[in-house]
Amino acid sequence: MKGIRIYLILTLLFATSFTSSLALVLQTYEYRNLFSTLDKLKIEKQELYFKSSILIEEVEYYKNHISLRKVALNSLGMRLPANKEKVIVPKGENS
């Protein structure tokens, strides 16, 4: 009876130890996967931030051109020339 009891205790101890070790390995694997995913997402965030900065600069550039066009049309009275007002200068041979 005492031998069976020791055998059961050792079996239970081994099973518990094995289960605990397996859980630790799986937890470490999951941690490393999540850390890798986090790094990839940080890189993607930096790329998106860079692209959004470029887009913001382009929007500002076009806003400035639109506001300049409005000032030229409304305040200065500028306009596009009509077809008969356009003069085309051919490029010379020595130029």
PDB file of N, CA and C in Angstrom:
ATOM      1  N   MET A   1       0.824  -1.193   0.000  1.00  0.00           N
ATOM      2  CA  MET A   1       0.000   0.000   0.000  1.00  0.00           C
ATOM      3  C   MET A   1       0.876   1.268   0.000  1.00  0.00           C
ATOM      4  N   LYS A   2       1.957   1.216   0.808  1.00  0.00           N
ATOM      5  CA  LYS A   2       2.832   2.362   0.888  1.00  0.00           C
ATOM      6  C   LYS A   2       3.574   2.570  -0.438  1.00  0.00           C
ATOM      7  N   GLY A   3       3.920   1.468  -1.125  1.00  0.00           N
ATOM      8  CA  GLY A   3       4.602   1.564  -2.408  1.00  0.00           C
ATOM      9  C   GLY A   3       3.700   2.158  -3.472  1.00  0.00           C
ATOM     10  N   ILE A   4       2.424   1.805  -3.457  1.00  0.00           N
ATOM     11  CA  ILE A   4       1.459   2.354  -4.416  1.00  0.00           C
ATOM     12  C   ILE A   4       1.236   3.838  -4.147  1.00  0.00           C
ATOM     13  N   ARG A   5       1.206   4.189  -2.878  1.00  0.00           N
ATOM     14  CA  ARG A   5       0.994   5.586  -2.496  1.00  0.00           C
ATOM     15  C   ARG A   5       2.177   6.440  -2.992  1.00  0.00           C
ATOM     16  N   ILE A   6       3.401   5.961  -2.781  1.00  0.00           N
ATOM     17  CA  ILE A   6       4.587   6.684  -3.243  1.00  0.00           C
ATOM     18  C   ILE A   6       4.583   6.763  -4.777  1.00  0.00           C
ATOM     19  N   TYR A   7       4.210   5.668  -5.430  1.00  0.00           N
ATOM     20  CA  TYR A   7       4.140   5.649  -6.895  1.00  0.00           C
ATOM     21  C   TYR A   7       3.122   6.676  -7.398  1.00  0.00           C
ATOM     22  N   LEU A   8       1.954   6.755  -6.764  1.00  0.00           N
ATOM     23  CA  LEU A   8       0.931   7.735  -7.162  1.00  0.00           C
ATOM     24  C   LEU A   8       1.404   9.156  -6.914  1.00  0.00           C
ATOM     25  N   ILE A   9       2.076   9.366  -5.780  1.00  0.00           N
ATOM     26  CA  ILE A   9       2.577  10.714  -5.477  1.00  0.00           C
ATOM     27  C   ILE A   9       3.642  11.120  -6.500  1.00  0.00           C
ATOM     28  N   LEU A  10       4.556  10.208  -6.820  1.00  0.00           N
ATOM     29  CA  LEU A  10       5.578  10.520  -7.820  1.00  0.00           C
ATOM     30  C   LEU A  10       4.972  10.747  -9.199  1.00  0.00           C
ATOM     31  N   THR A  11       3.985   9.950  -9.567  1.00  0.00           N
ATOM     32  CA  THR A  11       3.305  10.130 -10.852  1.00  0.00           C
ATOM     33  C   THR A  11       2.595  11.474 -10.894  1.00  0.00           C
ATOM     34  N   LEU A  12       1.901  11.796  -9.812  1.00  0.00           N
ATOM     35  CA  LEU A  12       1.208  13.084  -9.742  1.00  0.00           C
ATOM     36  C   LEU A  12       2.210  14.238  -9.788  1.00  0.00           C
ATOM     37  N   LEU A  13       3.316  14.109  -9.072  1.00  0.00           N
ATOM     38  CA  LEU A  13       4.359  15.133  -9.073  1.00  0.00           C
ATOM     39  C   LEU A  13       4.960  15.292 -10.471  1.00  0.00           C
ATOM     40  N   PHE A  14       5.230  14.188 -11.149  1.00  0.00           N
ATOM     41  CA  PHE A  14       5.758  14.244 -12.513  1.00  0.00           C
ATOM     42  C   PHE A  14       4.759  14.894 -13.471  1.00  0.00           C
ATOM     43  N   ALA A  15       3.494  14.487 -13.375  1.00  0.00           N
ATOM     44  CA  ALA A  15       2.470  15.052 -14.261  1.00  0.00           C
ATOM     45  C   ALA A  15       2.316  16.546 -14.017  1.00  0.00           C
ATOM     46  N   THR A  16       2.329  16.947 -12.766  1.00  0.00           N
ATOM     47  CA  THR A  16       2.212  18.369 -12.431  1.00  0.00           C
ATOM     48  C   THR A  16       3.430  19.140 -12.952  1.00  0.00           C
ATOM     49  N   SER A  17       4.606  18.575 -12.749  1.00  0.00           N
ATOM     50  CA  SER A  17       5.826  19.220 -13.210  1.00  0.00           C
ATOM     51  C   SER A  17       5.838  19.327 -14.738  1.00  0.00           C
ATOM     52  N   PHE A  18       5.445  18.260 -15.415  1.00  0.00           N
ATOM     53  CA  PHE A  18       5.410  18.266 -16.877  1.00  0.00           C
ATOM     54  C   PHE A  18       4.395  19.291 -17.384  1.00  0.00           C
ATOM     55  N   THR A  19       3.215  19.302 -16.771  1.00  0.00           N
ATOM     56  CA  THR A  19       2.175  20.249 -17.185  1.00  0.00           C
ATOM     57  C   THR A  19       2.634  21.689 -16.958  1.00  0.00           C
ATOM     58  N   SER A  20       3.273  21.931 -15.832  1.00  0.00           N
ATOM     59  CA  SER A  20       3.765  23.272 -15.521  1.00  0.00           C
ATOM     60  C   SER A  20       4.852  23.687 -16.518  1.00  0.00           C
ATOM     61  N   SER A  21       5.757  22.763 -16.836  1.00  0.00           N
ATOM     62  CA  SER A  21       6.818  23.067 -17.806  1.00  0.00           C
ATOM     63  C   SER A  21       6.246  23.339 -19.188  1.00  0.00           C
ATOM     64  N   LEU A  22       5.272  22.535 -19.589  1.00  0.00           N
ATOM     65  CA  LEU A  22       4.635  22.737 -20.888  1.00  0.00           C
ATOM     66  C   LEU A  22       3.921  24.078 -20.942  1.00  0.00           C
ATOM     67  N   ALA A  23       3.232  24.436 -19.852  1.00  0.00           N
ATOM     68  CA  ALA A  23       2.549  25.727 -19.807  1.00  0.00           C
ATOM     69  C   ALA A  23       3.551  26.869 -19.901  1.00  0.00           C
ATOM     70  N   LEU A  24       4.705  26.723 -19.250  1.00  0.00           N
ATOM     71  CA  LEU A  24       5.734  27.759 -19.303  1.00  0.00           C
ATOM     72  C   LEU A  24       6.283  27.908 -20.717  1.00  0.00           C
ATOM     73  N   VAL A  25       6.528  26.795 -21.393  1.00  0.00           N
ATOM     74  CA  VAL A  25       7.026  26.842 -22.771  1.00  0.00           C
ATOM     75  C   VAL A  25       6.003  27.503 -23.685  1.00  0.00           C
ATOM     76  N   LEU A  26       4.740  27.133 -23.534  1.00  0.00           N
ATOM     77  CA  LEU A  26       3.688  27.736 -24.373  1.00  0.00           C
ATOM     78  C   LEU A  26       3.531  29.221 -24.090  1.00  0.00           C
ATOM     79  N   GLN A  27       3.648  29.599 -22.821  1.00  0.00           N
ATOM     80  CA  GLN A  27       3.536  31.015 -22.467  1.00  0.00           C
ATOM     81  C   GLN A  27       4.708  31.813 -23.055  1.00  0.00           C
ATOM     82  N   THR A  28       5.913  31.257 -23.001  1.00  0.00           N
ATOM     83  CA  THR A  28       7.080  31.922 -23.578  1.00  0.00           C
ATOM     84  C   THR A  28       6.935  32.057 -25.091  1.00  0.00           C
ATOM     85  N   TYR A  29       6.444  31.018 -25.740  1.00  0.00           N
ATOM     86  CA  TYR A  29       6.224  31.053 -27.187  1.00  0.00           C
ATOM     87  C   TYR A  29       5.208  32.129 -27.549  1.00  0.00           C
ATOM     88  N   GLU A  30       4.110  32.188 -26.785  1.00  0.00           N
ATOM     89  CA  GLU A  30       3.078  33.202 -27.055  1.00  0.00           C
ATOM     90  C   GLU A  30       3.627  34.606 -26.822  1.00  0.00           C
ATOM     91  N   TYR A  31       4.428  34.789 -25.767  1.00  0.00           N
ATOM     92  CA  TYR A  31       5.021  36.085 -25.483  1.00  0.00           C
ATOM     93  C   TYR A  31       5.916  36.533 -26.638  1.00  0.00           C
ATOM     94  N   ARG A  32       6.740  35.622 -27.134  1.00  0.00           N
ATOM     95  CA  ARG A  32       7.648  35.983 -28.231  1.00  0.00           C
ATOM     96  C   ARG A  32       6.881  36.300 -29.510  1.00  0.00           C
ATOM     97  N   ASN A  33       5.831  35.553 -29.774  1.00  0.00           N
ATOM     98  CA  ASN A  33       5.000  35.860 -30.945  1.00  0.00           C
ATOM     99  C   ASN A  33       4.351  37.227 -30.817  1.00  0.00           C
ATOM    100  N   LEU A  34       3.805  37.514 -29.644  1.00  0.00           N
ATOM    101  CA  LEU A  34       3.152  38.810 -29.441  1.00  0.00           C
ATOM    102  C   LEU A  34       4.167  39.949 -29.495  1.00  0.00           C
ATOM    103  N   PHE A  35       5.362  39.724 -28.969  1.00  0.00           N
ATOM    104  CA  PHE A  35       6.394  40.756 -29.028  1.00  0.00           C
ATOM    105  C   PHE A  35       6.809  41.020 -30.463  1.00  0.00           C
ATOM    106  N   SER A  36       6.925  39.963 -31.262  1.00  0.00           N
ATOM    107  CA  SER A  36       7.248  40.111 -32.679  1.00  0.00           C
ATOM    108  C   SER A  36       6.147  40.882 -33.401  1.00  0.00           C
ATOM    109  N   THR A  37       4.901  40.553 -33.102  1.00  0.00           N
ATOM    110  CA  THR A  37       3.776  41.273 -33.703  1.00  0.00           C
ATOM    111  C   THR A  37       3.796  42.739 -33.295  1.00  0.00           C
ATOM    112  N   LEU A  38       4.132  43.000 -32.034  1.00  0.00           N
ATOM    113  CA  LEU A  38       4.214  44.381 -31.557  1.00  0.00           C
ATOM    114  C   LEU A  38       5.277  45.158 -32.315  1.00  0.00           C
ATOM    115  N   ASP A  39       6.435  44.550 -32.540  1.00  0.00           N
ATOM    116  CA  ASP A  39       7.493  45.215 -33.308  1.00  0.00           C
ATOM    117  C   ASP A  39       7.040  45.523 -34.729  1.00  0.00           C
ATOM    118  N   LYS A  40       6.368  44.559 -35.366  1.00  0.00           N
ATOM    119  CA  LYS A  40       5.873  44.783 -36.728  1.00  0.00           C
ATOM    120  C   LYS A  40       4.867  45.926 -36.756  1.00  0.00           C
ATOM    121  N   LEU A  41       3.991  45.977 -35.748  1.00  0.00           N
ATOM    122  CA  LEU A  41       2.993  47.043 -35.700  1.00  0.00           C
ATOM    123  C   LEU A  41       3.636  48.400 -35.428  1.00  0.00           C
ATOM    124  N   LYS A  42       4.703  48.429 -34.633  1.00  0.00           N
ATOM    125  CA  LYS A  42       5.407  49.695 -34.405  1.00  0.00           C
ATOM    126  C   LYS A  42       6.037  50.212 -35.690  1.00  0.00           C
ATOM    127  N   ILE A  43       6.631  49.288 -36.463  1.00  0.00           N
ATOM    128  CA  ILE A  43       7.232  49.683 -37.742  1.00  0.00           C
ATOM    129  C   ILE A  43       6.152  50.190 -38.690  1.00  0.00           C
ATOM    130  N   GLU A  44       5.024  49.494 -38.738  1.00  0.00           N
ATOM    131  CA  GLU A  44       3.917  49.926 -39.606  1.00  0.00           C
ATOM    132  C   GLU A  44       3.381  51.282 -39.157  1.00  0.00           C
ATOM    133  N   LYS A  45       3.321  51.514 -37.847  1.00  0.00           N
ATOM    134  CA  LYS A  45       2.860  52.801 -37.321  1.00  0.00           C
ATOM    135  C   LYS A  45       3.790  53.921 -37.770  1.00  0.00           C
ATOM    136  N   GLN A  46       5.118  53.672 -37.702  1.00  0.00           N
ATOM    137  CA  GLN A  46       6.074  54.689 -38.144  1.00  0.00           C
ATOM    138  C   GLN A  46       5.934  54.971 -39.634  1.00  0.00           C
ATOM    139  N   GLU A  47       5.727  53.925 -40.433  1.00  0.00           N
ATOM    140  CA  GLU A  47       5.551  54.125 -41.876  1.00  0.00           C
ATOM    141  C   GLU A  47       4.283  54.920 -42.159  1.00  0.00           C
ATOM    142  N   LEU A  48       3.199  54.596 -41.459  1.00  0.00           N
ATOM    143  CA  LEU A  48       1.951  55.323 -41.664  1.00  0.00           C
ATOM    144  C   LEU A  48       2.070  56.773 -41.195  1.00  0.00           C
ATOM    145  N   TYR A  49       2.801  56.999 -40.107  1.00  0.00           N
ATOM    146  CA  TYR A  49       3.013  58.364 -39.634  1.00  0.00           C
ATOM    147  C   TYR A  49       3.786  59.162 -40.672  1.00  0.00           C
ATOM    148  N   PHE A  50       4.800  58.535 -41.263  1.00  0.00           N
ATOM    149  CA  PHE A  50       5.587  59.199 -42.308  1.00  0.00           C
ATOM    150  C   PHE A  50       4.714  59.537 -43.509  1.00  0.00           C
ATOM    151  N   LYS A  51       3.892  58.566 -43.947  1.00  0.00           N
ATOM    152  CA  LYS A  51       3.013  58.806 -45.098  1.00  0.00           C
ATOM    153  C   LYS A  51       1.983  59.885 -44.791  1.00  0.00           C
ATOM    154  N   SER A  52       1.451  59.878 -43.562  1.00  0.00           N
ATOM    155  CA  SER A  52       0.461  60.903 -43.217  1.00  0.00           C
ATOM    156  C   SER A  52       1.103  62.284 -43.182  1.00  0.00           C
ATOM    157  N   SER A  53       2.366  62.360 -42.754  1.00  0.00           N
ATOM    158  CA  SER A  53       3.067  63.655 -42.764  1.00  0.00           C
ATOM    159  C   SER A  53       3.228  64.167 -44.187  1.00  0.00           C
ATOM    160  N   ILE A  54       3.558  63.267 -45.109  1.00  0.00           N
ATOM    161  CA  ILE A  54       3.695  63.662 -46.511  1.00  0.00           C
ATOM    162  C   ILE A  54       2.357  64.144 -47.055  1.00  0.00           C
ATOM    163  N   LEU A  55       1.287  63.431 -46.730  1.00  0.00           N
ATOM    164  CA  LEU A  55      -0.036  63.836 -47.209  1.00  0.00           C
ATOM    165  C   LEU A  55      -0.456  65.183 -46.630  1.00  0.00           C
ATOM    166  N   ILE A  56      -0.142  65.417 -45.373  1.00  0.00           N
ATOM    167  CA  ILE A  56      -0.477  66.705 -44.757  1.00  0.00           C
ATOM    168  C   ILE A  56       0.280  67.831 -45.455  1.00  0.00           C
ATOM    169  N   GLU A  57       1.550  67.597 -45.772  1.00  0.00           N
ATOM    170  CA  GLU A  57       2.327  68.610 -46.495  1.00  0.00           C
ATOM    171  C   GLU A  57       1.742  68.874 -47.885  1.00  0.00           C
ATOM    172  N   GLU A  58       1.307  67.816 -48.561  1.00  0.00           N
ATOM    173  CA  GLU A  58       0.702  68.004 -49.887  1.00  0.00           C
ATOM    174  C   GLU A  58      -0.595  68.791 -49.787  1.00  0.00           C
ATOM    175  N   VAL A  59      -1.393  68.505 -48.777  1.00  0.00           N
ATOM    176  CA  VAL A  59      -2.644  69.249 -48.586  1.00  0.00           C
ATOM    177  C   VAL A  59      -2.345  70.722 -48.336  1.00  0.00           C
ATOM    178  N   GLU A  60      -1.364  71.005 -47.503  1.00  0.00           N
ATOM    179  CA  GLU A  60      -0.989  72.394 -47.250  1.00  0.00           C
ATOM    180  C   GLU A  60      -0.489  73.077 -48.522  1.00  0.00           C
ATOM    181  N   TYR A  61       0.281  72.352 -49.321  1.00  0.00           N
ATOM    182  CA  TYR A  61       0.798  72.893 -50.575  1.00  0.00           C
ATOM    183  C   TYR A  61      -0.357  73.295 -51.493  1.00  0.00           C
ATOM    184  N   TYR A  62      -1.330  72.387 -51.656  1.00  0.00           N
ATOM    185  CA  TYR A  62      -2.453  72.693 -52.542  1.00  0.00           C
ATOM    186  C   TYR A  62      -3.376  73.750 -51.955  1.00  0.00           C
ATOM    187  N   LYS A  63      -3.494  73.798 -50.635  1.00  0.00           N
ATOM    188  CA  LYS A  63      -4.295  74.863 -50.010  1.00  0.00           C
ATOM    189  C   LYS A  63      -3.679  76.219 -50.324  1.00  0.00           C
ATOM    190  N   ASN A  64      -2.351  76.287 -50.252  1.00  0.00           N
ATOM    191  CA  ASN A  64      -1.677  77.547 -50.557  1.00  0.00           C
ATOM    192  C   ASN A  64      -1.906  77.947 -52.008  1.00  0.00           C
ATOM    193  N   HIS A  65      -1.848  76.987 -52.923  1.00  0.00           N
ATOM    194  CA  HIS A  65      -2.069  77.305 -54.333  1.00  0.00           C
ATOM    195  C   HIS A  65      -3.510  77.744 -54.580  1.00  0.00           C
ATOM    196  N   ILE A  66      -4.447  77.113 -53.930  1.00  0.00           N
ATOM    197  CA  ILE A  66      -5.856  77.507 -54.091  1.00  0.00           C
ATOM    198  C   ILE A  66      -6.073  78.900 -53.533  1.00  0.00           C
ATOM    199  N   SER A  67      -5.493  79.200 -52.377  1.00  0.00           N
ATOM    200  CA  SER A  67      -5.669  80.542 -51.803  1.00  0.00           C
ATOM    201  C   SER A  67      -4.966  81.596 -52.658  1.00  0.00           C
ATOM    202  N   LEU A  68      -3.802  81.253 -53.229  1.00  0.00           N
ATOM    203  CA  LEU A  68      -3.129  82.197 -54.123  1.00  0.00           C
ATOM    204  C   LEU A  68      -3.960  82.462 -55.377  1.00  0.00           C
ATOM    205  N   ARG A  69      -4.586  81.421 -55.904  1.00  0.00           N
ATOM    206  CA  ARG A  69      -5.431  81.583 -57.083  1.00  0.00           C
ATOM    207  C   ARG A  69      -6.629  82.484 -56.756  1.00  0.00           C
ATOM    208  N   LYS A  70      -7.233  82.299 -55.581  1.00  0.00           N
ATOM    209  CA  LYS A  70      -8.367  83.133 -55.195  1.00  0.00           C
ATOM    210  C   LYS A  70      -7.957  84.590 -55.060  1.00  0.00           C
ATOM    211  N   VAL A  71      -6.800  84.832 -54.448  1.00  0.00           N
ATOM    212  CA  VAL A  71      -6.319  86.212 -54.295  1.00  0.00           C
ATOM    213  C   VAL A  71      -6.047  86.815 -55.662  1.00  0.00           C
ATOM    214  N   ALA A  72      -5.426  86.034 -56.547  1.00  0.00           N
ATOM    215  CA  ALA A  72      -5.112  86.547 -57.880  1.00  0.00           C
ATOM    216  C   ALA A  72      -6.388  86.872 -58.657  1.00  0.00           C
ATOM    217  N   LEU A  73      -7.396  86.012 -58.570  1.00  0.00           N
ATOM    218  CA  LEU A  73      -8.634  86.249 -59.310  1.00  0.00           C
ATOM    219  C   LEU A  73      -9.459  87.377 -58.701  1.00  0.00           C
ATOM    220  N   ASN A  74      -9.630  87.349 -57.387  1.00  0.00           N
ATOM    221  CA  ASN A  74     -10.549  88.304 -56.755  1.00  0.00           C
ATOM    222  C   ASN A  74      -9.902  89.655 -56.467  1.00  0.00           C
ATOM    223  N   SER A  75      -8.743  89.659 -55.842  1.00  0.00           N
ATOM    224  CA  SER A  75      -8.149  90.932 -55.415  1.00  0.00           C
ATOM    225  C   SER A  75      -7.384  91.627 -56.531  1.00  0.00           C
ATOM    226  N   LEU A  76      -6.637  90.867 -57.326  1.00  0.00           N
ATOM    227  CA  LEU A  76      -5.785  91.479 -58.345  1.00  0.00           C
ATOM    228  C   LEU A  76      -6.442  91.535 -59.722  1.00  0.00           C
ATOM    229  N   GLY A  77      -7.555  90.841 -59.881  1.00  0.00           N
ATOM    230  CA  GLY A  77      -8.255  90.868 -61.156  1.00  0.00           C
ATOM    231  C   GLY A  77      -7.543  90.101 -62.260  1.00  0.00           C
ATOM    232  N   MET A  78      -6.685  89.164 -61.895  1.00  0.00           N
ATOM    233  CA  MET A  78      -5.985  88.379 -62.910  1.00  0.00           C
ATOM    234  C   MET A  78      -6.936  87.341 -63.499  1.00  0.00           C
ATOM    235  N   ARG A  79      -6.638  86.917 -64.736  1.00  0.00           N
ATOM    236  CA  ARG A  79      -7.466  85.907 -65.391  1.00  0.00           C
ATOM    237  C   ARG A  79      -6.600  85.153 -66.377  1.00  0.00           C
ATOM    238  N   LEU A  80      -7.097  84.005 -66.851  1.00  0.00           N
ATOM    239  CA  LEU A  80      -6.388  83.254 -67.868  1.00  0.00           C
ATOM    240  C   LEU A  80      -6.561  83.956 -69.217  1.00  0.00           C
ATOM    241  N   PRO A  81      -5.536  83.948 -70.046  1.00  0.00           N
ATOM    242  CA  PRO A  81      -5.672  84.602 -71.351  1.00  0.00           C
ATOM    243  C   PRO A  81      -6.579  83.796 -72.275  1.00  0.00           C
ATOM    244  N   ALA A  82      -7.295  84.512 -73.146  1.00  0.00           N
ATOM    245  CA  ALA A  82      -8.128  83.840 -74.155  1.00  0.00           C
ATOM    246  C   ALA A  82      -7.207  83.267 -75.230  1.00  0.00           C
ATOM    247  N   ASN A  83      -7.761  82.380 -76.048  1.00  0.00           N
ATOM    248  CA  ASN A  83      -6.949  81.741 -77.092  1.00  0.00           C
ATOM    249  C   ASN A  83      -6.329  82.757 -78.039  1.00  0.00           C
ATOM    250  N   LYS A  84      -7.074  83.794 -78.424  1.00  0.00           N
ATOM    251  CA  LYS A  84      -6.506  84.761 -79.366  1.00  0.00           C
ATOM    252  C   LYS A  84      -5.488  85.681 -78.695  1.00  0.00           C
ATOM    253  N   GLU A  85      -5.444  85.708 -77.367  1.00  0.00           N
ATOM    254  CA  GLU A  85      -4.460  86.525 -76.654  1.00  0.00           C
ATOM    255  C   GLU A  85      -3.136  85.766 -76.406  1.00  0.00           C
ATOM    256  N   LYS A  86      -3.140  84.470 -76.603  1.00  0.00           N
ATOM    257  CA  LYS A  86      -1.942  83.673 -76.356  1.00  0.00           C
ATOM    258  C   LYS A  86      -0.939  83.878 -77.485  1.00  0.00           C
ATOM    259  N   VAL A  87       0.326  84.011 -77.124  1.00  0.00           N
ATOM    260  CA  VAL A  87       1.417  84.170 -78.091  1.00  0.00           C
ATOM    261  C   VAL A  87       2.384  83.013 -77.892  1.00  0.00           C
ATOM    262  N   ILE A  88       2.658  82.288 -78.948  1.00  0.00           N
ATOM    263  CA  ILE A  88       3.586  81.164 -78.891  1.00  0.00           C
ATOM    264  C   ILE A  88       4.891  81.596 -79.534  1.00  0.00           C
ATOM    265  N   VAL A  89       5.964  81.500 -78.769  1.00  0.00           N
ATOM    266  CA  VAL A  89       7.290  81.902 -79.249  1.00  0.00           C
ATOM    267  C   VAL A  89       8.068  80.637 -79.566  1.00  0.00           C
ATOM    268  N   PRO A  90       8.432  80.446 -80.857  1.00  0.00           N
ATOM    269  CA  PRO A  90       9.198  79.240 -81.191  1.00  0.00           C
ATOM    270  C   PRO A  90      10.619  79.326 -80.644  1.00  0.00           C
ATOM    271  N   LYS A  91      11.154  78.182 -80.347  1.00  0.00           N
ATOM    272  CA  LYS A  91      12.519  78.131 -79.830  1.00  0.00           C
ATOM    273  C   LYS A  91      13.494  78.303 -80.990  1.00  0.00           C
ATOM    274  N   GLY A  92      14.434  79.183 -80.794  1.00  0.00           N
ATOM    275  CA  GLY A  92      15.412  79.466 -81.845  1.00  0.00           C
ATOM    276  C   GLY A  92      16.451  78.364 -81.965  1.00  0.00           C
ATOM    277  N   GLU A  93      17.204  78.398 -83.048  1.00  0.00           N
ATOM    278  CA  GLU A  93      18.223  77.374 -83.292  1.00  0.00           C
ATOM    279  C   GLU A  93      19.396  77.529 -82.328  1.00  0.00           C
ATOM    280  N   ASN A  94      19.770  78.721 -81.942  1.00  0.00           N
ATOM    281  CA  ASN A  94      20.942  78.967 -81.072  1.00  0.00           C
ATOM    282  C   ASN A  94      20.585  78.904 -79.606  1.00  0.00           C
ATOM    283  N   SER A  95      19.348  78.774 -79.275  1.00  0.00           N
ATOM    284  CA  SER A  95      18.934  78.788 -77.867  1.00  0.00           C
ATOM    285  C   SER A  95      19.077  77.446 -77.231  1.00  0.00           C
TER     286      SER A  95
END
